[in-house]
Amino acid sequence: MKITKSKLEEIIREELLKEQGMDIQSVFYELGDKIGNLDWLTRRHAGFTSDTKLRAFVHKLFKMHTALKKHLDKTYEDWD
């Protein structure tokens, strides 16, 4: 099947319309949710509860997330 230039432009336009906008606030909070999910998994899933190194990584991720929030608060007053 050969795609014409106009058909390709139409496909690209449709795909671009499907994309949702992204901002720092939504990305930041989504990241926090994912770290929280990972924390829950390391505490509740039988295969991961004994992995202390994994738990340490999750703790570091929480600390980095907090440091990122402090940086955003300091640098960009109205990011949130």
Protein backbone atom coordinates (compact mmCIF):
# COMPACT_ATOMS: atom_id res chain seq x y z
CA MET A 1 0.00 0.00 0.00
CA LYS A 2 1.41 3.31 -1.09
CA ILE A 3 0.74 6.34 1.10
CA THR A 4 0.47 9.69 -0.59
CA LYS A 5 1.99 12.81 0.87
CA SER A 6 -1.43 14.26 1.68
CA LYS A 7 -2.52 11.03 3.42
CA LEU A 8 0.70 11.03 5.46
CA GLU A 9 0.11 14.66 6.48
CA GLU A 10 -3.44 13.75 7.53
CA ILE A 11 -2.19 10.82 9.63
CA ILE A 12 0.43 13.00 11.32
CA ARG A 13 -2.13 15.72 12.03
CA GLU A 14 -4.51 13.17 13.61
CA GLU A 15 -1.74 11.72 15.78
CA LEU A 16 -0.67 15.17 16.95
CA LEU A 17 -4.25 15.95 17.95
CA LYS A 18 -4.35 12.77 20.05
CA GLU A 19 -1.32 13.85 22.09
CA GLN A 20 -2.16 15.35 25.44
CA GLY A 21 -0.41 18.40 26.71
CA MET A 22 2.25 17.86 29.32
CA ASP A 23 3.29 20.20 32.09
CA ILE A 24 5.77 19.98 34.95
CA GLN A 25 3.05 19.75 37.59
CA SER A 26 1.34 16.69 36.11
CA VAL A 27 4.66 14.97 35.40
CA PHE A 28 5.90 15.67 38.94
CA TYR A 29 2.79 14.27 40.62
CA GLU A 30 2.63 11.28 38.27
CA LEU A 31 6.24 10.51 39.17
CA GLY A 32 5.35 10.69 42.86
CA ASP A 33 2.46 8.29 42.30
CA LYS A 34 4.74 5.83 40.52
CA ILE A 35 7.33 5.98 43.30
CA GLY A 36 4.51 5.39 45.79
CA ASN A 37 3.35 2.37 43.79
CA LEU A 38 6.88 0.99 43.79
CA ASP A 39 7.08 1.53 47.55
CA TRP A 40 3.78 -0.29 48.05
CA LEU A 41 5.01 -3.17 45.91
CA THR A 42 8.25 -3.53 47.85
CA ARG A 43 6.32 -3.63 51.12
CA ARG A 44 3.40 -5.88 50.12
CA HIS A 45 4.55 -8.24 47.38
CA ALA A 46 5.96 -11.44 48.85
CA GLY A 47 8.72 -11.62 46.25
CA PHE A 48 10.12 -8.19 47.09
CA THR A 49 9.61 -7.65 50.83
CA SER A 50 12.96 -9.15 51.77
CA ASP A 51 14.96 -7.20 49.17
CA THR A 52 16.61 -4.51 51.29
CA LYS A 53 18.54 -3.06 48.37
CA LEU A 54 15.33 -2.49 46.42
CA ARG A 55 13.77 -0.81 49.46
CA ALA A 56 16.86 1.41 49.76
CA PHE A 57 16.48 2.47 46.11
CA VAL A 58 12.85 3.38 46.71
CA HIS A 59 13.87 5.43 49.75
CA LYS A 60 16.43 7.27 47.59
CA LEU A 61 13.77 7.93 44.96
CA PHE A 62 11.52 9.49 47.62
CA LYS A 63 14.41 11.69 48.77
CA MET A 64 15.18 12.76 45.20
CA HIS A 65 11.51 13.51 44.57
CA THR A 66 11.45 15.73 47.68
CA ALA A 67 14.64 17.48 46.56
CA LEU A 68 13.09 18.05 43.13
CA LYS A 69 10.02 19.63 44.75
CA LYS A 70 12.21 21.96 46.81
CA HIS A 71 14.10 22.97 43.67
CA LEU A 72 10.89 23.61 41.73
CA ASP A 73 9.41 25.60 44.61
CA LYS A 74 12.55 27.72 44.87
CA THR A 75 13.12 28.23 41.17
CA TYR A 76 9.59 28.41 39.73
CA GLU A 77 7.15 30.14 42.06
CA ASP A 78 3.96 29.15 40.24
CA TRP A 79 4.85 25.70 38.90
CA ASP A 80 2.35 24.03 41.23
